[in-house]
Amino acid sequence: MKFFKYCAIVLATAAFALLGVVAGSSLAQGGDSAVEPGLASAASDSPAPIYVPDYPRNSAGLTYGSSEGVWPEFEPDLILVVATNGREGYVFKAELDRATGGDVSTIEEALEWNSRRAELPDDRTIGVYLSDGTTKVGEFPIGASSITYDEDK
């Protein structure tokens, strides 16, 4: 009886391992990694499912909306912010990531970013746009030690 129980455990373990290898190799070889809006499978060490928002798209096909409560890999192309002039608008996720180090993917890149960060000015800004991604409506502060809003702009 113990032998059959042992075989069942070994078979189940092997099946789960094979499933992981097949799924992982499919993604690594360019398999469909698109995630549909709604609930997605969480990482194995994550306690809960991940919510993937169904963002609207502008005429250029870019998604836009809030990134609040969303994992970075599911953030929209244009992220909702408030500009220094008090107007709501969107910053490009790629530009925000470049300006804040959110685009680093290796330890070496992170170390390089961290060494350069101290040399960057505190008053850096990036552009804020309407949801069309082209009409500029303000600036968004990056790395500022204190943020103030200029109502006259």
N, C-alpha and C. Protein backbone atom coordinates (compact mmCIF):
# COMPACT_ATOMS: atom_id res chain seq x y z
N MET A 1 0.81 -1.19 0.00
CA MET A 1 0.00 0.00 0.00
C MET A 1 0.86 1.27 0.00
N LYS A 2 1.95 1.24 0.82
CA LYS A 2 2.84 2.39 0.87
C LYS A 2 3.50 2.61 -0.49
N PHE A 3 3.79 1.54 -1.20
CA PHE A 3 4.42 1.65 -2.51
C PHE A 3 3.51 2.40 -3.49
N PHE A 4 2.20 2.10 -3.50
CA PHE A 4 1.26 2.76 -4.40
C PHE A 4 1.09 4.23 -4.04
N LYS A 5 1.07 4.52 -2.75
CA LYS A 5 0.95 5.90 -2.29
C LYS A 5 2.20 6.69 -2.75
N TYR A 6 3.37 6.07 -2.59
CA TYR A 6 4.62 6.69 -3.01
C TYR A 6 4.60 6.95 -4.52
N CYS A 7 4.15 5.99 -5.31
CA CYS A 7 4.08 6.14 -6.77
C CYS A 7 3.13 7.26 -7.16
N ALA A 8 2.00 7.37 -6.47
CA ALA A 8 1.03 8.42 -6.77
C ALA A 8 1.64 9.80 -6.51
N ILE A 9 2.37 9.93 -5.42
CA ILE A 9 3.01 11.21 -5.09
C ILE A 9 4.07 11.55 -6.14
N VAL A 10 4.87 10.60 -6.52
CA VAL A 10 5.92 10.82 -7.53
C VAL A 10 5.29 11.21 -8.87
N LEU A 11 4.24 10.52 -9.27
CA LEU A 11 3.57 10.84 -10.54
C LEU A 11 2.96 12.23 -10.52
N ALA A 12 2.31 12.60 -9.42
CA ALA A 12 1.70 13.92 -9.31
C ALA A 12 2.77 15.01 -9.37
N THR A 13 3.86 14.80 -8.66
CA THR A 13 4.97 15.77 -8.66
C THR A 13 5.55 15.91 -10.07
N ALA A 14 5.76 14.80 -10.74
CA ALA A 14 6.30 14.84 -12.09
C ALA A 14 5.35 15.55 -13.05
N ALA A 15 4.06 15.32 -12.90
CA ALA A 15 3.07 15.96 -13.77
C ALA A 15 3.09 17.47 -13.59
N PHE A 16 3.14 17.94 -12.33
CA PHE A 16 3.18 19.38 -12.08
C PHE A 16 4.47 19.99 -12.59
N ALA A 17 5.58 19.30 -12.43
CA ALA A 17 6.86 19.80 -12.93
C ALA A 17 6.84 19.90 -14.45
N LEU A 18 6.31 18.90 -15.11
CA LEU A 18 6.23 18.91 -16.57
C LEU A 18 5.34 20.06 -17.05
N LEU A 19 4.22 20.27 -16.38
CA LEU A 19 3.31 21.36 -16.73
C LEU A 19 4.04 22.70 -16.62
N GLY A 20 4.81 22.89 -15.55
CA GLY A 20 5.57 24.13 -15.38
C GLY A 20 6.61 24.32 -16.45
N VAL A 21 7.30 23.27 -16.82
CA VAL A 21 8.34 23.34 -17.86
C VAL A 21 7.72 23.68 -19.20
N VAL A 22 6.61 23.04 -19.54
CA VAL A 22 5.96 23.29 -20.82
C VAL A 22 5.45 24.73 -20.89
N ALA A 23 4.79 25.19 -19.82
CA ALA A 23 4.27 26.56 -19.82
C ALA A 23 5.41 27.56 -19.87
N GLY A 24 6.46 27.35 -19.11
CA GLY A 24 7.60 28.26 -19.09
C GLY A 24 8.31 28.32 -20.42
N SER A 25 8.51 27.16 -21.06
CA SER A 25 9.21 27.17 -22.34
C SER A 25 8.37 27.80 -23.43
N SER A 26 7.06 27.67 -23.33
CA SER A 26 6.19 28.32 -24.30
C SER A 26 6.34 29.83 -24.23
N LEU A 27 6.36 30.38 -23.03
CA LEU A 27 6.53 31.82 -22.88
C LEU A 27 7.92 32.26 -23.30
N ALA A 28 8.94 31.49 -22.95
CA ALA A 28 10.31 31.84 -23.29
C ALA A 28 10.53 31.83 -24.79
N GLN A 29 9.78 30.98 -25.52
CA GLN A 29 9.94 30.90 -26.96
C GLN A 29 9.00 31.83 -27.70
N GLY A 30 8.42 32.78 -26.97
CA GLY A 30 7.56 33.76 -27.64
C GLY A 30 6.11 33.32 -27.68
N GLY A 31 5.72 32.45 -26.78
CA GLY A 31 4.33 32.04 -26.70
C GLY A 31 3.46 33.22 -26.33
N ASP A 32 2.18 33.06 -26.42
CA ASP A 32 1.24 34.14 -26.14
C ASP A 32 1.29 34.49 -24.66
N SER A 33 1.87 35.65 -24.33
CA SER A 33 1.96 36.05 -22.94
C SER A 33 0.95 37.14 -22.61
N ALA A 34 0.07 37.46 -23.54
CA ALA A 34 -0.95 38.47 -23.30
C ALA A 34 -1.90 37.98 -22.23
N VAL A 35 -2.27 38.88 -21.34
CA VAL A 35 -3.17 38.53 -20.26
C VAL A 35 -4.47 39.29 -20.49
N GLU A 36 -5.56 38.57 -20.46
CA GLU A 36 -6.86 39.19 -20.65
C GLU A 36 -7.24 39.99 -19.41
N PRO A 37 -8.02 41.06 -19.57
CA PRO A 37 -8.47 41.82 -18.41
C PRO A 37 -9.26 40.92 -17.46
N GLY A 38 -9.21 41.25 -16.19
CA GLY A 38 -9.90 40.47 -15.16
C GLY A 38 -8.90 39.92 -14.19
N LEU A 39 -9.14 38.72 -13.71
CA LEU A 39 -8.23 38.09 -12.77
C LEU A 39 -7.24 37.22 -13.51
N ALA A 40 -5.97 37.37 -13.19
CA ALA A 40 -4.92 36.56 -13.78
C ALA A 40 -4.32 35.69 -12.69
N SER A 41 -3.65 34.64 -13.09
CA SER A 41 -2.98 33.80 -12.11
C SER A 41 -1.86 34.59 -11.47
N ALA A 42 -1.78 34.48 -10.17
CA ALA A 42 -0.73 35.17 -9.44
C ALA A 42 0.54 34.33 -9.47
N ALA A 43 1.65 34.97 -9.17
CA ALA A 43 2.90 34.25 -9.04
C ALA A 43 2.76 33.24 -7.90
N SER A 44 3.55 32.18 -7.94
CA SER A 44 3.39 31.11 -6.97
C SER A 44 3.59 31.58 -5.54
N ASP A 45 4.37 32.65 -5.33
CA ASP A 45 4.58 33.14 -3.98
C ASP A 45 3.62 34.27 -3.62
N SER A 46 2.67 34.56 -4.48
CA SER A 46 1.70 35.62 -4.23
C SER A 46 0.48 35.04 -3.54
N PRO A 47 -0.05 35.73 -2.54
CA PRO A 47 -1.17 35.19 -1.78
C PRO A 47 -2.53 35.31 -2.47
N ALA A 48 -2.65 36.11 -3.51
CA ALA A 48 -3.96 36.34 -4.10
C ALA A 48 -3.84 36.53 -5.61
N PRO A 49 -4.95 36.37 -6.33
CA PRO A 49 -4.94 36.62 -7.78
C PRO A 49 -4.63 38.09 -8.07
N ILE A 50 -4.16 38.35 -9.27
CA ILE A 50 -3.82 39.69 -9.72
C ILE A 50 -4.97 40.23 -10.55
N TYR A 51 -5.36 41.48 -10.30
CA TYR A 51 -6.39 42.11 -11.11
C TYR A 51 -5.74 42.80 -12.30
N VAL A 52 -6.21 42.50 -13.50
CA VAL A 52 -5.71 43.13 -14.72
C VAL A 52 -6.82 44.03 -15.26
N PRO A 53 -6.64 45.36 -15.17
CA PRO A 53 -7.68 46.28 -15.63
C PRO A 53 -7.92 46.20 -17.14
N ASP A 54 -9.12 46.53 -17.54
CA ASP A 54 -9.47 46.63 -18.95
C ASP A 54 -9.42 48.12 -19.32
N TYR A 55 -8.22 48.60 -19.64
CA TYR A 55 -8.02 50.02 -19.91
C TYR A 55 -8.60 50.42 -21.27
N PRO A 56 -9.12 51.65 -21.35
CA PRO A 56 -9.52 52.16 -22.67
C PRO A 56 -8.28 52.43 -23.50
N ARG A 57 -8.47 52.53 -24.82
CA ARG A 57 -7.37 52.82 -25.74
C ARG A 57 -7.67 54.12 -26.48
N ASN A 58 -6.61 54.89 -26.75
CA ASN A 58 -6.80 56.11 -27.54
C ASN A 58 -6.69 55.77 -29.03
N SER A 59 -6.78 56.76 -29.89
CA SER A 59 -6.77 56.51 -31.33
C SER A 59 -5.44 55.93 -31.82
N ALA A 60 -4.38 56.11 -31.04
CA ALA A 60 -3.07 55.54 -31.40
C ALA A 60 -2.91 54.12 -30.86
N GLY A 61 -3.93 53.63 -30.16
CA GLY A 61 -3.87 52.27 -29.62
C GLY A 61 -3.22 52.17 -28.26
N LEU A 62 -2.86 53.31 -27.64
CA LEU A 62 -2.24 53.29 -26.33
C LEU A 62 -3.30 53.18 -25.24
N THR A 63 -3.02 52.36 -24.23
CA THR A 63 -3.93 52.25 -23.10
C THR A 63 -3.67 53.41 -22.15
N TYR A 64 -4.73 53.84 -21.43
CA TYR A 64 -4.56 54.93 -20.48
C TYR A 64 -5.47 54.72 -19.28
N GLY A 65 -4.99 55.20 -18.11
CA GLY A 65 -5.77 55.07 -16.89
C GLY A 65 -4.88 55.14 -15.67
N SER A 66 -5.48 54.81 -14.52
CA SER A 66 -4.76 54.83 -13.25
C SER A 66 -3.93 53.56 -13.09
N SER A 67 -2.79 53.70 -12.44
CA SER A 67 -1.97 52.53 -12.15
C SER A 67 -2.12 52.10 -10.70
N GLU A 68 -3.01 52.75 -9.98
CA GLU A 68 -3.19 52.44 -8.56
C GLU A 68 -3.66 51.00 -8.37
N GLY A 69 -2.96 50.27 -7.54
CA GLY A 69 -3.32 48.90 -7.23
C GLY A 69 -3.03 47.90 -8.32
N VAL A 70 -2.22 48.28 -9.30
CA VAL A 70 -1.93 47.41 -10.44
C VAL A 70 -0.45 47.07 -10.44
N TRP A 71 -0.12 45.81 -10.68
CA TRP A 71 1.28 45.41 -10.78
C TRP A 71 1.91 46.13 -11.96
N PRO A 72 3.19 46.49 -11.86
CA PRO A 72 3.84 47.27 -12.91
C PRO A 72 3.71 46.68 -14.32
N GLU A 73 3.75 45.36 -14.45
CA GLU A 73 3.66 44.78 -15.80
C GLU A 73 2.27 44.92 -16.41
N PHE A 74 1.27 45.32 -15.62
CA PHE A 74 -0.08 45.50 -16.13
C PHE A 74 -0.52 46.96 -16.16
N GLU A 75 0.43 47.89 -15.92
CA GLU A 75 0.09 49.31 -15.95
C GLU A 75 -0.20 49.75 -17.39
N PRO A 76 -1.01 50.81 -17.54
CA PRO A 76 -1.31 51.29 -18.90
C PRO A 76 -0.11 52.00 -19.51
N ASP A 77 -0.18 52.23 -20.81
CA ASP A 77 0.88 52.96 -21.52
C ASP A 77 0.96 54.41 -21.04
N LEU A 78 -0.19 55.00 -20.75
CA LEU A 78 -0.28 56.37 -20.24
C LEU A 78 -0.87 56.30 -18.83
N ILE A 79 -0.13 56.79 -17.83
CA ILE A 79 -0.53 56.67 -16.43
C ILE A 79 -1.08 58.00 -15.93
N LEU A 80 -2.23 57.94 -15.28
CA LEU A 80 -2.91 59.12 -14.75
C LEU A 80 -2.09 59.77 -13.64
N VAL A 81 -1.88 61.09 -13.75
CA VAL A 81 -1.15 61.87 -12.74
C VAL A 81 -1.81 63.26 -12.63
N VAL A 82 -1.32 64.04 -11.67
CA VAL A 82 -1.70 65.45 -11.56
C VAL A 82 -0.45 66.27 -11.82
N ALA A 83 -0.52 67.16 -12.80
CA ALA A 83 0.62 67.99 -13.19
C ALA A 83 0.88 69.06 -12.13
N THR A 84 2.03 69.71 -12.22
CA THR A 84 2.37 70.77 -11.26
C THR A 84 1.41 71.94 -11.34
N ASN A 85 0.69 72.08 -12.44
CA ASN A 85 -0.29 73.16 -12.57
C ASN A 85 -1.67 72.74 -12.07
N GLY A 86 -1.77 71.53 -11.50
CA GLY A 86 -3.03 71.05 -10.94
C GLY A 86 -3.93 70.32 -11.91
N ARG A 87 -3.55 70.27 -13.18
CA ARG A 87 -4.37 69.59 -14.18
C ARG A 87 -4.10 68.10 -14.19
N GLU A 88 -5.16 67.32 -14.35
CA GLU A 88 -4.99 65.88 -14.52
C GLU A 88 -4.58 65.59 -15.95
N GLY A 89 -3.76 64.60 -16.10
CA GLY A 89 -3.33 64.18 -17.42
C GLY A 89 -2.59 62.86 -17.28
N TYR A 90 -1.81 62.53 -18.27
CA TYR A 90 -1.13 61.24 -18.31
C TYR A 90 0.34 61.40 -18.66
N VAL A 91 1.17 60.57 -18.03
CA VAL A 91 2.58 60.49 -18.40
C VAL A 91 2.79 59.15 -19.09
N PHE A 92 3.75 59.10 -19.98
CA PHE A 92 4.08 57.85 -20.64
C PHE A 92 4.78 56.94 -19.63
N LYS A 93 4.29 55.72 -19.50
CA LYS A 93 4.88 54.76 -18.57
C LYS A 93 6.36 54.57 -18.87
N ALA A 94 6.72 54.44 -20.14
CA ALA A 94 8.12 54.23 -20.52
C ALA A 94 8.99 55.40 -20.07
N GLU A 95 8.48 56.62 -20.23
CA GLU A 95 9.25 57.81 -19.83
C GLU A 95 9.36 57.89 -18.31
N LEU A 96 8.28 57.57 -17.61
CA LEU A 96 8.30 57.55 -16.15
C LEU A 96 9.28 56.50 -15.64
N ASP A 97 9.25 55.33 -16.25
CA ASP A 97 10.18 54.26 -15.84
C ASP A 97 11.63 54.66 -16.07
N ARG A 98 11.92 55.28 -17.22
CA ARG A 98 13.30 55.73 -17.48
C ARG A 98 13.74 56.79 -16.46
N ALA A 99 12.83 57.69 -16.10
CA ALA A 99 13.17 58.78 -15.19
C ALA A 99 13.30 58.33 -13.74
N THR A 100 12.68 57.21 -13.38
CA THR A 100 12.68 56.76 -11.99
C THR A 100 13.46 55.47 -11.76
N GLY A 101 14.01 54.89 -12.83
CA GLY A 101 14.73 53.63 -12.70
C GLY A 101 13.82 52.42 -12.75
N GLY A 102 12.58 52.63 -13.11
CA GLY A 102 11.64 51.51 -13.19
C GLY A 102 11.87 50.59 -14.36
N ASP A 103 12.79 50.95 -15.24
CA ASP A 103 13.06 50.12 -16.42
C ASP A 103 14.29 49.23 -16.26
N VAL A 104 14.91 49.23 -15.07
CA VAL A 104 16.07 48.36 -14.88
C VAL A 104 15.59 46.91 -14.77
N SER A 105 16.38 46.00 -15.32
CA SER A 105 15.96 44.59 -15.29
C SER A 105 17.05 43.65 -14.80
N THR A 106 18.24 44.17 -14.54
CA THR A 106 19.31 43.32 -14.04
C THR A 106 19.94 43.99 -12.82
N ILE A 107 20.67 43.23 -12.06
CA ILE A 107 21.36 43.79 -10.90
C ILE A 107 22.37 44.84 -11.34
N GLU A 108 23.05 44.59 -12.44
CA GLU A 108 24.04 45.54 -12.94
C GLU A 108 23.40 46.87 -13.31
N GLU A 109 22.24 46.80 -14.00
CA GLU A 109 21.52 48.03 -14.36
C GLU A 109 21.05 48.78 -13.11
N ALA A 110 20.60 48.04 -12.11
CA ALA A 110 20.15 48.66 -10.87
C ALA A 110 21.30 49.36 -10.15
N LEU A 111 22.45 48.72 -10.11
CA LEU A 111 23.62 49.34 -9.47
C LEU A 111 24.05 50.59 -10.23
N GLU A 112 24.03 50.51 -11.56
CA GLU A 112 24.39 51.68 -12.37
C GLU A 112 23.40 52.82 -12.14
N TRP A 113 22.11 52.50 -12.15
CA TRP A 113 21.07 53.52 -11.92
C TRP A 113 21.27 54.15 -10.55
N ASN A 114 21.51 53.34 -9.54
CA ASN A 114 21.67 53.85 -8.18
C ASN A 114 22.88 54.77 -8.07
N SER A 115 23.95 54.46 -8.77
CA SER A 115 25.14 55.32 -8.71
C SER A 115 24.90 56.65 -9.43
N ARG A 116 24.08 56.67 -10.48
CA ARG A 116 23.79 57.91 -11.21
C ARG A 116 22.71 58.75 -10.53
N ARG A 117 21.86 58.12 -9.74
CA ARG A 117 20.70 58.80 -9.16
C ARG A 117 21.09 60.03 -8.34
N ALA A 118 22.16 59.95 -7.57
CA ALA A 118 22.58 61.06 -6.72
C ALA A 118 22.99 62.28 -7.55
N GLU A 119 23.41 62.07 -8.79
CA GLU A 119 23.85 63.17 -9.66
C GLU A 119 22.69 63.87 -10.36
N LEU A 120 21.49 63.29 -10.32
CA LEU A 120 20.35 63.87 -11.02
C LEU A 120 19.76 65.02 -10.22
N PRO A 121 19.33 66.08 -10.90
CA PRO A 121 18.74 67.22 -10.19
C PRO A 121 17.39 66.84 -9.57
N ASP A 122 17.06 67.51 -8.45
CA ASP A 122 15.80 67.25 -7.77
C ASP A 122 14.59 67.83 -8.50
N ASP A 123 14.82 68.76 -9.41
CA ASP A 123 13.70 69.44 -10.06
C ASP A 123 13.41 68.92 -11.46
N ARG A 124 13.69 67.65 -11.72
CA ARG A 124 13.40 67.07 -13.03
C ARG A 124 11.89 66.94 -13.21
N THR A 125 11.44 67.04 -14.44
CA THR A 125 10.03 66.84 -14.75
C THR A 125 9.90 66.07 -16.05
N ILE A 126 8.73 65.46 -16.24
CA ILE A 126 8.39 64.85 -17.52
C ILE A 126 7.04 65.42 -17.94
N GLY A 127 6.75 65.35 -19.22
CA GLY A 127 5.53 65.93 -19.75
C GLY A 127 4.27 65.18 -19.34
N VAL A 128 3.20 65.96 -19.18
CA VAL A 128 1.86 65.42 -18.89
C VAL A 128 0.98 65.74 -20.09
N TYR A 129 0.25 64.72 -20.56
CA TYR A 129 -0.54 64.85 -21.78
C TYR A 129 -1.99 64.47 -21.55
N LEU A 130 -2.84 64.88 -22.47
CA LEU A 130 -4.21 64.37 -22.47
C LEU A 130 -4.16 62.90 -22.87
N SER A 131 -5.28 62.22 -22.82
CA SER A 131 -5.29 60.79 -23.13
C SER A 131 -4.90 60.48 -24.57
N ASP A 132 -4.85 61.52 -25.43
CA ASP A 132 -4.42 61.28 -26.81
C ASP A 132 -2.91 61.05 -26.90
N GLY A 133 -2.18 61.40 -25.84
CA GLY A 133 -0.74 61.19 -25.81
C GLY A 133 0.05 62.23 -26.58
N THR A 134 -0.62 63.24 -27.14
CA THR A 134 0.10 64.26 -27.92
C THR A 134 -0.13 65.68 -27.39
N THR A 135 -1.30 65.96 -26.82
CA THR A 135 -1.60 67.30 -26.33
C THR A 135 -1.02 67.48 -24.94
N LYS A 136 0.03 68.30 -24.84
CA LYS A 136 0.71 68.51 -23.56
C LYS A 136 -0.08 69.49 -22.70
N VAL A 137 -0.29 69.12 -21.42
CA VAL A 137 -1.06 69.98 -20.51
C VAL A 137 -0.28 70.38 -19.27
N GLY A 138 0.94 69.89 -19.11
CA GLY A 138 1.70 70.26 -17.93
C GLY A 138 2.96 69.44 -17.77
N GLU A 139 3.51 69.51 -16.58
CA GLU A 139 4.73 68.80 -16.23
C GLU A 139 4.50 68.01 -14.94
N PHE A 140 5.17 66.88 -14.82
CA PHE A 140 5.08 66.04 -13.63
C PHE A 140 6.46 65.96 -12.99
N PRO A 141 6.57 66.30 -11.69
CA PRO A 141 7.88 66.31 -11.03
C PRO A 141 8.42 64.90 -10.78
N ILE A 142 9.70 64.74 -11.02
CA ILE A 142 10.39 63.47 -10.77
C ILE A 142 11.53 63.76 -9.81
N GLY A 143 11.57 63.07 -8.71
CA GLY A 143 12.68 63.19 -7.77
C GLY A 143 12.70 64.47 -6.97
N ALA A 144 11.64 65.25 -7.01
CA ALA A 144 11.62 66.49 -6.25
C ALA A 144 11.46 66.17 -4.77
N SER A 145 12.18 66.90 -3.94
CA SER A 145 12.08 66.66 -2.51
C SER A 145 10.78 67.22 -1.95
N SER A 146 10.25 68.23 -2.58
CA SER A 146 8.93 68.74 -2.18
C SER A 146 8.19 69.15 -3.44
N ILE A 147 6.92 68.84 -3.47
CA ILE A 147 6.11 69.12 -4.65
C ILE A 147 5.15 70.26 -4.32
N THR A 148 5.16 71.30 -5.14
CA THR A 148 4.22 72.39 -4.99
C THR A 148 3.50 72.57 -6.32
N TYR A 149 2.31 73.08 -6.27
CA TYR A 149 1.52 73.28 -7.46
C TYR A 149 1.40 74.76 -7.77
N ASP A 150 1.67 75.13 -9.01
CA ASP A 150 1.58 76.49 -9.47
C ASP A 150 0.23 76.65 -10.17
N GLU A 151 -0.71 77.30 -9.51
CA GLU A 151 -2.07 77.46 -10.04
C GLU A 151 -2.13 78.38 -11.26
N ASP A 152 -1.10 79.18 -11.50
CA ASP A 152 -1.12 80.14 -12.60
C ASP A 152 -0.80 79.54 -13.95
N LYS A 153 -0.32 78.31 -14.02
CA LYS A 153 0.06 77.71 -15.29
C LYS A 153 -1.12 77.10 -15.98
